[in-house]
Amino acid sequence: MLRLTLDMDDVMANTHEKLVDIVLNEFDTIYSEPDFATRPLRELLHPKQLNKLNKYLHKPGFFKDIAVKEGAIETVSQLARYYEIYVATAAMEFPNSFREKYDWLHQHFPFIPWHNIVFCGDKSIIASDYLIDDHVRNILAFRGQGILFSAPHNLNETAYKRVSNWKEISELFLPLV
């Protein structure tokens, strides 16, 4: 059975949406929600705002209630019939996230076994056939076939196979029914 490894943040979990909500509700900004879908946060926010936003990522509770990406639960459930599913999330940068991410995965994706969840800092250690990730640095380090999940911070990347949503993942990996 082929292995399919999924990133969590901005692939399974809508982390960017939560960050945008924080910016729109708690920061002084001239931008509106559509602006944040087309450009990276680092291009739109002042460095002091980026620093403040980064502190939210380190606060306990940030990762526990992030919304699931539309179609992710249903598609991953179907994929699990044809692939060995792993989740690889770079939790080392945010130590508070370990328990929250584990609980989030258990709540929304209970069919993924605990031993198929990998908390890491460097995804080059992942031995899988495919990796779906939103960060090019993870795909570069990966030895299998990397697929870039579209996010505002990677829209200008053209060197990688890309998917924009879970419907496209379904069309790419699932048989026709």
N, C-alpha and C. Protein backbone atom coordinates (compact mmCIF):
# COMPACT_ATOMS: atom_id res chain seq x y z
N MET A 1 0.85 -1.18 0.00
CA MET A 1 0.00 0.00 0.00
C MET A 1 0.90 1.24 0.00
N LEU A 2 0.59 2.19 -0.85
CA LEU A 2 1.37 3.42 -0.92
C LEU A 2 1.10 4.29 0.30
N ARG A 3 2.13 5.06 0.68
CA ARG A 3 2.01 5.98 1.82
C ARG A 3 1.76 7.40 1.32
N LEU A 4 0.80 8.03 1.94
CA LEU A 4 0.45 9.42 1.64
C LEU A 4 0.57 10.20 2.95
N THR A 5 1.48 11.16 2.98
CA THR A 5 1.69 11.96 4.18
C THR A 5 1.12 13.35 3.98
N LEU A 6 0.38 13.81 4.98
CA LEU A 6 -0.30 15.09 4.92
C LEU A 6 0.26 16.03 5.97
N ASP A 7 0.51 17.25 5.56
CA ASP A 7 0.84 18.30 6.51
C ASP A 7 -0.45 18.68 7.23
N MET A 8 -0.34 19.24 8.40
CA MET A 8 -1.53 19.63 9.14
C MET A 8 -1.92 21.09 8.89
N ASP A 9 -1.04 22.02 9.28
CA ASP A 9 -1.37 23.44 9.18
C ASP A 9 -1.45 23.90 7.73
N ASP A 10 -2.58 24.48 7.39
CA ASP A 10 -2.89 25.01 6.06
C ASP A 10 -2.98 23.94 4.98
N VAL A 11 -3.10 22.68 5.39
CA VAL A 11 -3.46 21.59 4.49
C VAL A 11 -4.72 20.92 5.05
N MET A 12 -4.64 20.42 6.27
CA MET A 12 -5.81 19.83 6.93
C MET A 12 -6.54 20.88 7.77
N ALA A 13 -5.76 21.73 8.42
CA ALA A 13 -6.30 22.76 9.33
C ALA A 13 -6.16 24.13 8.70
N ASN A 14 -7.17 24.95 8.86
CA ASN A 14 -7.17 26.28 8.24
C ASN A 14 -6.50 27.30 9.17
N THR A 15 -5.22 27.12 9.39
CA THR A 15 -4.44 27.96 10.30
C THR A 15 -4.37 29.40 9.80
N HIS A 16 -4.19 29.57 8.50
CA HIS A 16 -4.12 30.93 7.94
C HIS A 16 -5.40 31.71 8.24
N GLU A 17 -6.54 31.04 8.10
CA GLU A 17 -7.82 31.70 8.37
C GLU A 17 -7.89 32.19 9.82
N LYS A 18 -7.40 31.39 10.75
CA LYS A 18 -7.41 31.81 12.15
C LYS A 18 -6.50 33.01 12.36
N LEU A 19 -5.33 33.00 11.73
CA LEU A 19 -4.42 34.14 11.84
C LEU A 19 -5.03 35.40 11.26
N VAL A 20 -5.70 35.28 10.13
CA VAL A 20 -6.36 36.44 9.51
C VAL A 20 -7.45 36.97 10.42
N ASP A 21 -8.22 36.08 11.03
CA ASP A 21 -9.25 36.52 11.98
C ASP A 21 -8.65 37.33 13.12
N ILE A 22 -7.52 36.90 13.62
CA ILE A 22 -6.85 37.64 14.69
C ILE A 22 -6.45 39.02 14.20
N VAL A 23 -5.86 39.08 13.02
CA VAL A 23 -5.43 40.37 12.47
C VAL A 23 -6.62 41.30 12.29
N LEU A 24 -7.68 40.80 11.70
CA LEU A 24 -8.85 41.65 11.41
C LEU A 24 -9.57 42.11 12.68
N ASN A 25 -9.54 41.29 13.72
CA ASN A 25 -10.27 41.62 14.94
C ASN A 25 -9.45 42.32 16.02
N GLU A 26 -8.13 42.16 15.95
CA GLU A 26 -7.31 42.67 17.05
C GLU A 26 -6.20 43.63 16.64
N PHE A 27 -5.98 43.79 15.34
CA PHE A 27 -4.91 44.67 14.86
C PHE A 27 -5.52 45.86 14.13
N ASP A 28 -4.75 46.92 14.05
CA ASP A 28 -5.12 48.06 13.23
C ASP A 28 -4.59 47.76 11.82
N THR A 29 -5.48 47.62 10.85
CA THR A 29 -5.06 47.27 9.50
C THR A 29 -5.94 47.97 8.46
N ILE A 30 -5.35 48.27 7.33
CA ILE A 30 -6.09 48.87 6.22
C ILE A 30 -6.63 47.80 5.29
N TYR A 31 -6.27 46.54 5.54
CA TYR A 31 -6.64 45.46 4.64
C TYR A 31 -7.95 44.80 5.07
N SER A 32 -8.58 44.16 4.09
CA SER A 32 -9.79 43.40 4.36
C SER A 32 -9.50 41.92 4.09
N GLU A 33 -10.43 41.07 4.44
CA GLU A 33 -10.23 39.62 4.32
C GLU A 33 -9.75 39.17 2.94
N PRO A 34 -10.32 39.66 1.83
CA PRO A 34 -9.83 39.21 0.51
C PRO A 34 -8.35 39.51 0.25
N ASP A 35 -7.83 40.58 0.83
CA ASP A 35 -6.42 40.92 0.65
C ASP A 35 -5.51 39.82 1.19
N PHE A 36 -5.92 39.18 2.25
CA PHE A 36 -5.10 38.16 2.91
C PHE A 36 -5.12 36.82 2.17
N ALA A 37 -5.97 36.69 1.16
CA ALA A 37 -6.02 35.46 0.37
C ALA A 37 -5.05 35.51 -0.81
N THR A 38 -4.53 36.70 -1.11
CA THR A 38 -3.72 36.85 -2.32
C THR A 38 -2.25 37.14 -2.07
N ARG A 39 -1.91 37.47 -0.83
CA ARG A 39 -0.52 37.80 -0.51
C ARG A 39 -0.15 37.26 0.86
N PRO A 40 1.11 36.94 1.06
CA PRO A 40 1.54 36.43 2.37
C PRO A 40 1.38 37.48 3.46
N LEU A 41 1.14 37.01 4.66
CA LEU A 41 1.02 37.91 5.81
C LEU A 41 2.27 38.78 5.95
N ARG A 42 3.44 38.21 5.67
CA ARG A 42 4.69 38.96 5.83
C ARG A 42 4.77 40.15 4.87
N GLU A 43 3.99 40.13 3.80
CA GLU A 43 3.97 41.26 2.87
C GLU A 43 2.93 42.32 3.26
N LEU A 44 1.96 41.93 4.06
CA LEU A 44 0.86 42.84 4.39
C LEU A 44 1.00 43.50 5.75
N LEU A 45 1.69 42.83 6.65
CA LEU A 45 1.76 43.34 8.02
C LEU A 45 3.09 44.03 8.30
N HIS A 46 3.03 44.98 9.18
CA HIS A 46 4.23 45.66 9.68
C HIS A 46 5.03 44.64 10.50
N PRO A 47 6.37 44.74 10.52
CA PRO A 47 7.16 43.79 11.31
C PRO A 47 6.73 43.68 12.78
N LYS A 48 6.29 44.77 13.38
CA LYS A 48 5.81 44.69 14.77
C LYS A 48 4.52 43.88 14.86
N GLN A 49 3.68 43.98 13.84
CA GLN A 49 2.45 43.19 13.81
C GLN A 49 2.78 41.71 13.60
N LEU A 50 3.73 41.42 12.74
CA LEU A 50 4.15 40.03 12.53
C LEU A 50 4.69 39.42 13.82
N ASN A 51 5.46 40.19 14.54
CA ASN A 51 6.00 39.73 15.81
C ASN A 51 4.87 39.45 16.81
N LYS A 52 3.91 40.35 16.87
CA LYS A 52 2.76 40.16 17.77
C LYS A 52 1.95 38.92 17.36
N LEU A 53 1.74 38.75 16.06
CA LEU A 53 0.99 37.60 15.56
C LEU A 53 1.73 36.30 15.88
N ASN A 54 3.04 36.31 15.75
CA ASN A 54 3.84 35.13 16.07
C ASN A 54 3.66 34.73 17.54
N LYS A 55 3.48 35.70 18.41
CA LYS A 55 3.27 35.39 19.82
C LYS A 55 1.98 34.62 20.05
N TYR A 56 0.96 34.86 19.22
CA TYR A 56 -0.29 34.10 19.32
C TYR A 56 -0.03 32.61 19.06
N LEU A 57 0.85 32.31 18.12
CA LEU A 57 1.16 30.92 17.79
C LEU A 57 1.80 30.19 18.96
N HIS A 58 2.42 30.93 19.86
CA HIS A 58 3.08 30.32 21.02
C HIS A 58 2.19 30.27 22.26
N LYS A 59 1.02 30.86 22.17
CA LYS A 59 0.11 30.87 23.33
C LYS A 59 -0.62 29.53 23.44
N PRO A 60 -0.75 29.03 24.65
CA PRO A 60 -1.57 27.82 24.83
C PRO A 60 -3.00 28.07 24.32
N GLY A 61 -3.52 27.10 23.62
CA GLY A 61 -4.89 27.18 23.11
C GLY A 61 -5.00 27.58 21.66
N PHE A 62 -3.94 28.11 21.07
CA PHE A 62 -4.05 28.58 19.68
C PHE A 62 -4.45 27.45 18.73
N PHE A 63 -3.84 26.30 18.84
CA PHE A 63 -4.03 25.23 17.86
C PHE A 63 -5.25 24.34 18.13
N LYS A 64 -5.89 24.49 19.28
CA LYS A 64 -6.93 23.52 19.63
C LYS A 64 -8.25 23.69 18.88
N ASP A 65 -8.53 24.90 18.39
CA ASP A 65 -9.85 25.11 17.78
C ASP A 65 -9.79 25.64 16.34
N ILE A 66 -8.72 25.34 15.65
CA ILE A 66 -8.60 25.76 14.26
C ILE A 66 -9.62 24.98 13.42
N ALA A 67 -10.24 25.67 12.48
CA ALA A 67 -11.23 25.03 11.61
C ALA A 67 -10.56 24.01 10.69
N VAL A 68 -11.29 22.97 10.36
CA VAL A 68 -10.83 21.97 9.41
C VAL A 68 -11.05 22.51 8.00
N LYS A 69 -10.10 22.29 7.12
CA LYS A 69 -10.26 22.69 5.72
C LYS A 69 -11.46 21.97 5.11
N GLU A 70 -12.21 22.70 4.32
CA GLU A 70 -13.41 22.14 3.69
C GLU A 70 -13.07 20.89 2.87
N GLY A 71 -13.80 19.82 3.13
CA GLY A 71 -13.63 18.57 2.41
C GLY A 71 -12.53 17.67 2.93
N ALA A 72 -11.75 18.13 3.90
CA ALA A 72 -10.60 17.35 4.37
C ALA A 72 -11.02 16.05 5.04
N ILE A 73 -11.97 16.11 5.95
CA ILE A 73 -12.35 14.90 6.70
C ILE A 73 -12.86 13.82 5.76
N GLU A 74 -13.77 14.18 4.89
CA GLU A 74 -14.37 13.20 3.98
C GLU A 74 -13.31 12.62 3.04
N THR A 75 -12.45 13.49 2.49
CA THR A 75 -11.46 13.03 1.53
C THR A 75 -10.41 12.16 2.19
N VAL A 76 -9.90 12.56 3.36
CA VAL A 76 -8.89 11.75 4.05
C VAL A 76 -9.49 10.39 4.42
N SER A 77 -10.74 10.38 4.83
CA SER A 77 -11.41 9.12 5.15
C SER A 77 -11.45 8.20 3.93
N GLN A 78 -11.75 8.74 2.78
CA GLN A 78 -11.77 7.95 1.55
C GLN A 78 -10.36 7.51 1.14
N LEU A 79 -9.40 8.44 1.28
CA LEU A 79 -8.02 8.11 0.93
C LEU A 79 -7.49 6.95 1.78
N ALA A 80 -7.94 6.87 3.03
CA ALA A 80 -7.47 5.83 3.95
C ALA A 80 -7.86 4.43 3.47
N ARG A 81 -8.79 4.33 2.56
CA ARG A 81 -9.16 3.04 1.99
C ARG A 81 -8.13 2.54 0.98
N TYR A 82 -7.35 3.48 0.40
CA TYR A 82 -6.42 3.15 -0.68
C TYR A 82 -4.95 3.40 -0.34
N TYR A 83 -4.71 4.19 0.70
CA TYR A 83 -3.35 4.59 1.07
C TYR A 83 -3.14 4.43 2.56
N GLU A 84 -1.89 4.26 2.94
CA GLU A 84 -1.52 4.32 4.34
C GLU A 84 -1.34 5.82 4.63
N ILE A 85 -2.18 6.38 5.47
CA ILE A 85 -2.19 7.82 5.73
C ILE A 85 -1.33 8.16 6.94
N TYR A 86 -0.46 9.14 6.76
CA TYR A 86 0.35 9.69 7.83
C TYR A 86 0.10 11.19 7.89
N VAL A 87 0.28 11.76 9.06
CA VAL A 87 0.27 13.21 9.24
C VAL A 87 1.64 13.58 9.78
N ALA A 88 2.28 14.54 9.12
CA ALA A 88 3.58 15.05 9.58
C ALA A 88 3.43 16.55 9.78
N THR A 89 3.57 16.97 11.01
CA THR A 89 3.42 18.38 11.33
C THR A 89 4.65 18.89 12.06
N ALA A 90 5.12 20.04 11.65
CA ALA A 90 6.33 20.63 12.21
C ALA A 90 6.01 21.33 13.53
N ALA A 91 5.79 20.54 14.55
CA ALA A 91 5.37 21.07 15.85
C ALA A 91 6.52 21.57 16.71
N MET A 92 7.73 21.29 16.31
CA MET A 92 8.87 21.64 17.15
C MET A 92 9.00 23.15 17.36
N GLU A 93 8.58 23.93 16.39
CA GLU A 93 8.68 25.39 16.48
C GLU A 93 7.73 25.96 17.53
N PHE A 94 6.64 25.26 17.78
CA PHE A 94 5.62 25.72 18.74
C PHE A 94 5.35 24.61 19.75
N PRO A 95 6.19 24.50 20.78
CA PRO A 95 6.08 23.38 21.73
C PRO A 95 4.71 23.24 22.39
N ASN A 96 3.98 24.34 22.57
CA ASN A 96 2.64 24.23 23.16
C ASN A 96 1.67 23.49 22.24
N SER A 97 2.03 23.38 20.98
CA SER A 97 1.10 22.81 20.01
C SER A 97 0.99 21.29 20.07
N PHE A 98 1.94 20.60 20.67
CA PHE A 98 1.93 19.14 20.63
C PHE A 98 0.59 18.54 21.05
N ARG A 99 0.19 18.80 22.27
CA ARG A 99 -1.05 18.21 22.80
C ARG A 99 -2.26 18.70 22.02
N GLU A 100 -2.27 20.01 21.71
CA GLU A 100 -3.41 20.58 20.99
C GLU A 100 -3.56 19.97 19.60
N LYS A 101 -2.45 19.81 18.91
CA LYS A 101 -2.51 19.22 17.57
C LYS A 101 -2.93 17.74 17.64
N TYR A 102 -2.38 17.04 18.61
CA TYR A 102 -2.77 15.63 18.77
C TYR A 102 -4.27 15.52 19.05
N ASP A 103 -4.77 16.32 19.99
CA ASP A 103 -6.20 16.29 20.33
C ASP A 103 -7.05 16.70 19.13
N TRP A 104 -6.60 17.71 18.38
CA TRP A 104 -7.33 18.17 17.20
C TRP A 104 -7.44 17.04 16.17
N LEU A 105 -6.34 16.37 15.91
CA LEU A 105 -6.36 15.25 14.97
C LEU A 105 -7.26 14.13 15.45
N HIS A 106 -7.19 13.82 16.75
CA HIS A 106 -8.03 12.77 17.30
C HIS A 106 -9.52 13.14 17.19
N GLN A 107 -9.83 14.40 17.40
CA GLN A 107 -11.23 14.86 17.31
C GLN A 107 -11.76 14.80 15.88
N HIS A 108 -10.99 15.31 14.93
CA HIS A 108 -11.48 15.45 13.55
C HIS A 108 -11.13 14.28 12.64
N PHE A 109 -10.06 13.56 12.93
CA PHE A 109 -9.60 12.46 12.10
C PHE A 109 -9.31 11.23 12.97
N PRO A 110 -10.32 10.75 13.70
CA PRO A 110 -10.09 9.64 14.64
C PRO A 110 -9.67 8.34 13.96
N PHE A 111 -9.86 8.25 12.67
CA PHE A 111 -9.50 7.04 11.93
C PHE A 111 -8.01 6.99 11.57
N ILE A 112 -7.26 8.06 11.84
CA ILE A 112 -5.80 8.03 11.65
C ILE A 112 -5.18 7.53 12.94
N PRO A 113 -4.49 6.39 12.90
CA PRO A 113 -3.91 5.84 14.12
C PRO A 113 -2.86 6.77 14.73
N TRP A 114 -2.75 6.76 16.04
CA TRP A 114 -1.80 7.63 16.73
C TRP A 114 -0.37 7.40 16.25
N HIS A 115 -0.05 6.16 15.89
CA HIS A 115 1.31 5.86 15.45
C HIS A 115 1.60 6.34 14.03
N ASN A 116 0.60 6.89 13.35
CA ASN A 116 0.80 7.48 12.03
C ASN A 116 0.86 9.00 12.09
N ILE A 117 1.03 9.54 13.28
CA ILE A 117 1.16 10.99 13.47
C ILE A 117 2.60 11.28 13.86
N VAL A 118 3.25 12.14 13.08
CA VAL A 118 4.66 12.44 13.28
C VAL A 118 4.81 13.93 13.59
N PHE A 119 5.34 14.22 14.77
CA PHE A 119 5.68 15.59 15.15
C PHE A 119 7.18 15.75 14.88
N CYS A 120 7.52 16.68 14.02
CA CYS A 120 8.92 16.80 13.64
C CYS A 120 9.28 18.26 13.35
N GLY A 121 10.56 18.49 13.15
CA GLY A 121 11.03 19.80 12.76
C GLY A 121 11.53 19.80 11.33
N ASP A 122 11.94 18.65 10.85
CA ASP A 122 12.52 18.51 9.52
C ASP A 122 11.84 17.34 8.83
N LYS A 123 11.09 17.62 7.79
CA LYS A 123 10.30 16.58 7.13
C LYS A 123 11.12 15.72 6.17
N SER A 124 12.43 15.97 6.08
CA SER A 124 13.26 15.11 5.24
C SER A 124 13.33 13.69 5.81
N ILE A 125 12.96 13.53 7.08
CA ILE A 125 12.99 12.20 7.71
C ILE A 125 11.80 11.34 7.29
N ILE A 126 10.81 11.93 6.67
CA ILE A 126 9.59 11.21 6.33
C ILE A 126 9.84 10.26 5.16
N ALA A 127 9.53 8.99 5.37
CA ALA A 127 9.64 7.97 4.33
C ALA A 127 8.23 7.68 3.83
N SER A 128 7.88 8.30 2.74
CA SER A 128 6.53 8.18 2.22
C SER A 128 6.60 8.30 0.70
N ASP A 129 5.54 7.88 0.03
CA ASP A 129 5.50 8.01 -1.43
C ASP A 129 5.12 9.43 -1.84
N TYR A 130 4.21 10.05 -1.08
CA TYR A 130 3.73 11.39 -1.39
C TYR A 130 3.69 12.24 -0.12
N LEU A 131 3.94 13.53 -0.29
CA LEU A 131 3.78 14.51 0.78
C LEU A 131 2.98 15.67 0.22
N ILE A 132 1.88 16.00 0.89
CA ILE A 132 1.11 17.18 0.52
C ILE A 132 1.37 18.22 1.60
N ASP A 133 1.96 19.34 1.21
CA ASP A 133 2.42 20.35 2.15
C ASP A 133 2.26 21.73 1.53
N ASP A 134 2.14 22.75 2.37
CA ASP A 134 2.03 24.12 1.86
C ASP A 134 3.35 24.86 1.84
N HIS A 135 4.41 24.25 2.37
CA HIS A 135 5.72 24.92 2.39
C HIS A 135 6.70 24.23 1.45
N VAL A 136 7.26 25.02 0.55
CA VAL A 136 8.21 24.51 -0.42
C VAL A 136 9.42 23.88 0.27
N ARG A 137 9.88 24.47 1.38
CA ARG A 137 11.07 23.93 2.07
C ARG A 137 10.86 22.47 2.47
N ASN A 138 9.63 22.09 2.82
CA ASN A 138 9.36 20.70 3.19
C ASN A 138 9.35 19.79 1.97
N ILE A 139 8.84 20.29 0.87
CA ILE A 139 8.82 19.50 -0.37
C ILE A 139 10.24 19.32 -0.91
N LEU A 140 11.06 20.36 -0.82
CA LEU A 140 12.46 20.27 -1.26
C LEU A 140 13.22 19.19 -0.52
N ALA A 141 12.97 19.06 0.77
CA ALA A 141 13.69 18.11 1.60
C ALA A 141 13.13 16.69 1.47
N PHE A 142 11.95 16.55 0.93
CA PHE A 142 11.25 15.27 0.86
C PHE A 142 11.78 14.42 -0.28
N ARG A 143 11.92 13.12 -0.06
CA ARG A 143 12.50 12.22 -1.07
C ARG A 143 11.46 11.64 -2.03
N GLY A 144 10.19 11.63 -1.64
CA GLY A 144 9.14 11.12 -2.52
C GLY A 144 8.62 12.23 -3.42
N GLN A 145 7.38 12.09 -3.86
CA GLN A 145 6.78 13.13 -4.70
C GLN A 145 6.05 14.14 -3.82
N GLY A 146 6.50 15.36 -3.88
CA GLY A 146 5.87 16.44 -3.13
C GLY A 146 4.80 17.13 -3.94
N ILE A 147 3.73 17.48 -3.28
CA ILE A 147 2.63 18.21 -3.91
C ILE A 147 2.35 19.43 -3.06
N LEU A 148 2.36 20.59 -3.68
CA LEU A 148 2.19 21.85 -2.98
C LEU A 148 0.71 22.18 -2.83
N PHE A 149 0.28 22.37 -1.59
CA PHE A 149 -1.09 22.79 -1.31
C PHE A 149 -1.10 24.31 -1.33
N SER A 150 -1.92 24.89 -2.18
CA SER A 150 -1.94 26.34 -2.35
C SER A 150 -2.27 27.08 -1.06
N ALA A 151 -1.50 28.13 -0.82
CA ALA A 151 -1.70 29.03 0.32
C ALA A 151 -1.16 30.40 -0.11
N PRO A 152 -1.62 31.46 0.53
CA PRO A 152 -1.16 32.80 0.12
C PRO A 152 0.36 32.96 0.11
N HIS A 153 1.07 32.22 0.95
CA HIS A 153 2.52 32.37 1.00
C HIS A 153 3.25 31.58 -0.08
N ASN A 154 2.54 30.80 -0.90
CA ASN A 154 3.24 30.03 -1.94
C ASN A 154 2.66 30.23 -3.33
N LEU A 155 1.82 31.22 -3.52
CA LEU A 155 1.12 31.39 -4.80
C LEU A 155 2.05 31.68 -5.98
N ASN A 156 3.24 32.20 -5.72
CA ASN A 156 4.17 32.50 -6.82
C ASN A 156 5.09 31.32 -7.16
N GLU A 157 4.99 30.24 -6.43
CA GLU A 157 5.80 29.05 -6.71
C GLU A 157 5.23 28.32 -7.92
N THR A 158 6.09 28.01 -8.87
CA THR A 158 5.62 27.35 -10.09
C THR A 158 6.33 26.03 -10.38
N ALA A 159 7.28 25.66 -9.57
CA ALA A 159 8.10 24.50 -9.87
C ALA A 159 7.50 23.17 -9.39
N TYR A 160 6.35 23.20 -8.74
CA TYR A 160 5.82 21.98 -8.12
C TYR A 160 4.39 21.70 -8.55
N LYS A 161 4.07 20.42 -8.57
CA LYS A 161 2.68 20.03 -8.78
C LYS A 161 1.89 20.65 -7.64
N ARG A 162 0.70 21.17 -7.94
CA ARG A 162 -0.06 21.95 -6.97
C ARG A 162 -1.51 21.48 -6.91
N VAL A 163 -2.06 21.54 -5.71
CA VAL A 163 -3.50 21.36 -5.50
C VAL A 163 -3.99 22.56 -4.71
N SER A 164 -5.23 22.94 -4.95
CA SER A 164 -5.77 24.13 -4.28
C SER A 164 -6.81 23.82 -3.22
N ASN A 165 -7.28 22.57 -3.19
CA ASN A 165 -8.31 22.21 -2.23
C ASN A 165 -8.40 20.68 -2.15
N TRP A 166 -9.27 20.22 -1.27
CA TRP A 166 -9.40 18.77 -1.07
C TRP A 166 -10.13 18.08 -2.21
N LYS A 167 -10.93 18.81 -2.95
CA LYS A 167 -11.58 18.23 -4.14
C LYS A 167 -10.51 17.83 -5.16
N GLU A 168 -9.52 18.71 -5.34
CA GLU A 168 -8.44 18.41 -6.27
C GLU A 168 -7.58 17.23 -5.79
N ILE A 169 -7.40 17.12 -4.48
CA ILE A 169 -6.67 15.96 -3.94
C ILE A 169 -7.45 14.69 -4.22
N SER A 170 -8.75 14.75 -4.03
CA SER A 170 -9.61 13.60 -4.31
C SER A 170 -9.49 13.19 -5.78
N GLU A 171 -9.54 14.17 -6.67
CA GLU A 171 -9.46 13.88 -8.10
C GLU A 171 -8.09 13.30 -8.48
N LEU A 172 -7.05 13.71 -7.78
CA LEU A 172 -5.70 13.26 -8.06
C LEU A 172 -5.44 11.84 -7.54
N PHE A 173 -5.96 11.52 -6.36
CA PHE A 173 -5.57 10.28 -5.68
C PHE A 173 -6.64 9.20 -5.61
N LEU A 174 -7.90 9.55 -5.79
CA LEU A 174 -8.95 8.55 -5.64
C LEU A 174 -9.42 8.04 -7.00
N PRO A 175 -9.81 6.77 -7.06
CA PRO A 175 -10.32 6.23 -8.32
C PRO A 175 -11.67 6.85 -8.67
N LEU A 176 -11.99 6.84 -9.92
CA LEU A 176 -13.30 7.31 -10.36
C LEU A 176 -14.38 6.37 -9.83
N VAL A 177 -15.48 6.93 -9.44
CA VAL A 177 -16.57 6.09 -8.94
C VAL A 177 -17.76 6.16 -9.85
